[in-house]
Amino acid sequence: MGGKTLTRVDLCEAVYQKVGLSRTESAELVEMVIDTVCDTVAGGESVKLSSFGSFLVREKNERIGRNPKTGEEVPITPRTVMVFKPSNLLKKAVLEGNSANKR
């Protein structure tokens, strides 16, 4: 695993190099996209990025969990969670990338 984490700075630099905007404009563009995705998901709506995946908001019901240390049953309260569902293209790319690394 030990790979590098992709950061906002990395995204800004990629936009700068590939699109040709200034570094400031690239940073503003990346921030606007991230803010839009965050605001939309926080508002309870899903975000679908074609060929990448979807950020979905799901409601989880109350359920009974178990404290792994004591074995005691504990109720887990209902909550709203965000999940990411990768597209088939992304799944395929990851699978091919992993198999290429094993050779």
C-alpha atoms as a PDB file:
ATOM      1  CA  MET A   1       0.000   0.000   0.000  1.00  0.00           C
ATOM      2  CA  GLY A   2       2.332   2.836   1.161  1.00  0.00           C
ATOM      3  CA  GLY A   3       1.472   5.006  -1.860  1.00  0.00           C
ATOM      4  CA  LYS A   4       1.425   8.776  -1.877  1.00  0.00           C
ATOM      5  CA  THR A   5      -1.794  10.578  -0.949  1.00  0.00           C
ATOM      6  CA  LEU A   6      -3.229  12.893  -3.580  1.00  0.00           C
ATOM      7  CA  THR A   7      -3.749  16.346  -2.029  1.00  0.00           C
ATOM      8  CA  ARG A   8      -5.535  19.524  -3.069  1.00  0.00           C
ATOM      9  CA  VAL A   9      -2.159  20.991  -3.978  1.00  0.00           C
ATOM     10  CA  ASP A  10      -1.521  18.023  -6.296  1.00  0.00           C
ATOM     11  CA  LEU A  11      -4.913  18.547  -7.946  1.00  0.00           C
ATOM     12  CA  CYS A  12      -4.230  22.270  -8.387  1.00  0.00           C
ATOM     13  CA  GLU A  13      -0.848  21.539  -9.939  1.00  0.00           C
ATOM     14  CA  ALA A  14      -2.377  18.980 -12.332  1.00  0.00           C
ATOM     15  CA  VAL A  15      -5.007  21.520 -13.453  1.00  0.00           C
ATOM     16  CA  TYR A  16      -2.284  24.150 -13.844  1.00  0.00           C
ATOM     17  CA  GLN A  17      -0.167  21.880 -16.035  1.00  0.00           C
ATOM     18  CA  LYS A  18      -2.911  20.310 -18.134  1.00  0.00           C
ATOM     19  CA  VAL A  19      -5.405  23.150 -18.574  1.00  0.00           C
ATOM     20  CA  GLY A  20      -3.057  26.097 -18.643  1.00  0.00           C
ATOM     21  CA  LEU A  21      -4.788  28.265 -16.059  1.00  0.00           C
ATOM     22  CA  SER A  22      -2.633  30.226 -13.640  1.00  0.00           C
ATOM     23  CA  ARG A  23      -1.794  28.532 -10.357  1.00  0.00           C
ATOM     24  CA  THR A  24      -4.206  30.855  -8.535  1.00  0.00           C
ATOM     25  CA  GLU A  25      -7.031  30.151 -10.993  1.00  0.00           C
ATOM     26  CA  SER A  26      -6.305  26.419 -10.810  1.00  0.00           C
ATOM     27  CA  ALA A  27      -6.496  26.497  -7.010  1.00  0.00           C
ATOM     28  CA  GLU A  28      -9.774  28.458  -7.132  1.00  0.00           C
ATOM     29  CA  LEU A  29     -11.256  25.990  -9.642  1.00  0.00           C
ATOM     30  CA  VAL A  30     -10.311  22.957  -7.543  1.00  0.00           C
ATOM     31  CA  GLU A  31     -11.713  24.609  -4.398  1.00  0.00           C
ATOM     32  CA  MET A  32     -14.982  25.483  -6.179  1.00  0.00           C
ATOM     33  CA  VAL A  33     -15.441  21.888  -7.367  1.00  0.00           C
ATOM     34  CA  ILE A  34     -14.688  20.419  -3.930  1.00  0.00           C
ATOM     35  CA  ASP A  35     -16.956  22.964  -2.209  1.00  0.00           C
ATOM     36  CA  THR A  36     -19.801  22.224  -4.626  1.00  0.00           C
ATOM     37  CA  VAL A  37     -19.511  18.473  -4.056  1.00  0.00           C
ATOM     38  CA  CYS A  38     -19.334  18.943  -0.260  1.00  0.00           C
ATOM     39  CA  ASP A  39     -22.288  21.348  -0.130  1.00  0.00           C
ATOM     40  CA  THR A  40     -24.432  19.088  -2.314  1.00  0.00           C
ATOM     41  CA  VAL A  41     -23.704  15.935  -0.299  1.00  0.00           C
ATOM     42  CA  ALA A  42     -24.138  17.824   3.003  1.00  0.00           C
ATOM     43  CA  GLY A  43     -27.547  18.932   1.712  1.00  0.00           C
ATOM     44  CA  GLY A  44     -28.589  15.291   1.393  1.00  0.00           C
ATOM     45  CA  GLU A  45     -28.268  15.002  -2.382  1.00  0.00           C
ATOM     46  CA  SER A  46     -26.142  12.550  -4.365  1.00  0.00           C
ATOM     47  CA  VAL A  47     -23.295  13.619  -6.653  1.00  0.00           C
ATOM     48  CA  LYS A  48     -22.471  11.566  -9.744  1.00  0.00           C
ATOM     49  CA  LEU A  49     -19.186  12.149 -11.564  1.00  0.00           C
ATOM     50  CA  SER A  50     -19.339  10.287 -14.852  1.00  0.00           C
ATOM     51  CA  SER A  51     -16.582   7.674 -15.321  1.00  0.00           C
ATOM     52  CA  PHE A  52     -15.480   8.219 -11.705  1.00  0.00           C
ATOM     53  CA  GLY A  53     -18.274   7.339  -9.306  1.00  0.00           C
ATOM     54  CA  SER A  54     -21.062   8.600  -7.090  1.00  0.00           C
ATOM     55  CA  PHE A  55     -21.166  10.116  -3.630  1.00  0.00           C
ATOM     56  CA  LEU A  56     -24.412   8.928  -2.052  1.00  0.00           C
ATOM     57  CA  VAL A  57     -26.172   9.854   1.178  1.00  0.00           C
ATOM     58  CA  ARG A  58     -27.715   6.905   3.013  1.00  0.00           C
ATOM     59  CA  GLU A  59     -29.806   6.585   6.137  1.00  0.00           C
ATOM     60  CA  LYS A  60     -28.726   3.801   8.492  1.00  0.00           C
ATOM     61  CA  ASN A  61     -31.303   2.325  10.843  1.00  0.00           C
ATOM     62  CA  GLU A  62     -30.793   1.690  14.528  1.00  0.00           C
ATOM     63  CA  ARG A  63     -29.151  -1.652  15.212  1.00  0.00           C
ATOM     64  CA  ILE A  64     -27.524  -3.628  17.961  1.00  0.00           C
ATOM     65  CA  GLY A  65     -23.730  -3.671  18.037  1.00  0.00           C
ATOM     66  CA  ARG A  66     -21.282  -5.348  20.339  1.00  0.00           C
ATOM     67  CA  ASN A  67     -18.417  -3.828  22.302  1.00  0.00           C
ATOM     68  CA  PRO A  68     -15.461  -5.957  21.124  1.00  0.00           C
ATOM     69  CA  LYS A  69     -13.631  -5.544  24.426  1.00  0.00           C
ATOM     70  CA  THR A  70     -16.427  -6.517  26.813  1.00  0.00           C
ATOM     71  CA  GLY A  71     -18.829  -8.357  24.505  1.00  0.00           C
ATOM     72  CA  GLU A  72     -21.654  -6.150  25.822  1.00  0.00           C
ATOM     73  CA  GLU A  73     -24.480  -5.426  23.379  1.00  0.00           C
ATOM     74  CA  VAL A  74     -24.971  -1.730  22.698  1.00  0.00           C
ATOM     75  CA  PRO A  75     -27.592   0.068  20.587  1.00  0.00           C
ATOM     76  CA  ILE A  76     -26.162   1.989  17.637  1.00  0.00           C
ATOM     77  CA  THR A  77     -28.298   5.033  16.917  1.00  0.00           C
ATOM     78  CA  PRO A  78     -29.726   5.765  13.459  1.00  0.00           C
ATOM     79  CA  ARG A  79     -27.584   8.116  11.413  1.00  0.00           C
ATOM     80  CA  THR A  80     -26.926   9.566   8.002  1.00  0.00           C
ATOM     81  CA  VAL A  81     -23.723   8.506   6.247  1.00  0.00           C
ATOM     82  CA  MET A  82     -22.008   9.360   2.993  1.00  0.00           C
ATOM     83  CA  VAL A  83     -20.739   6.512   0.830  1.00  0.00           C
ATOM     84  CA  PHE A  84     -18.719   6.454  -2.369  1.00  0.00           C
ATOM     85  CA  LYS A  85     -19.675   4.030  -5.116  1.00  0.00           C
ATOM     86  CA  PRO A  86     -16.983   3.798  -7.811  1.00  0.00           C
ATOM     87  CA  SER A  87     -17.977   3.526 -11.464  1.00  0.00           C
ATOM     88  CA  ASN A  88     -17.273   0.350 -13.398  1.00  0.00           C
ATOM     89  CA  LEU A  89     -14.574   2.214 -15.352  1.00  0.00           C
ATOM     90  CA  LEU A  90     -12.803   3.200 -12.126  1.00  0.00           C
ATOM     91  CA  LYS A  91     -13.107  -0.336 -10.747  1.00  0.00           C
ATOM     92  CA  LYS A  92     -11.591  -1.715 -13.951  1.00  0.00           C
ATOM     93  CA  ALA A  93      -8.754   0.836 -13.906  1.00  0.00           C
ATOM     94  CA  VAL A  94      -7.906  -0.008 -10.288  1.00  0.00           C
ATOM     95  CA  LEU A  95      -8.016  -3.728 -11.000  1.00  0.00           C
ATOM     96  CA  GLU A  96      -5.754  -3.360 -14.048  1.00  0.00           C
ATOM     97  CA  GLY A  97      -3.411  -1.079 -12.105  1.00  0.00           C
ATOM     98  CA  ASN A  98      -3.115  -3.586  -9.285  1.00  0.00           C
ATOM     99  CA  SER A  99      -2.526  -6.541 -11.611  1.00  0.00           C
ATOM    100  CA  ALA A 100       0.156  -4.554 -13.478  1.00  0.00           C
ATOM    101  CA  ASN A 101       1.970  -3.929 -10.176  1.00  0.00           C
ATOM    102  CA  LYS A 102       2.019  -7.652  -9.339  1.00  0.00           C
ATOM    103  CA  ARG A 103       3.914  -8.606 -12.486  1.00  0.00           C
END
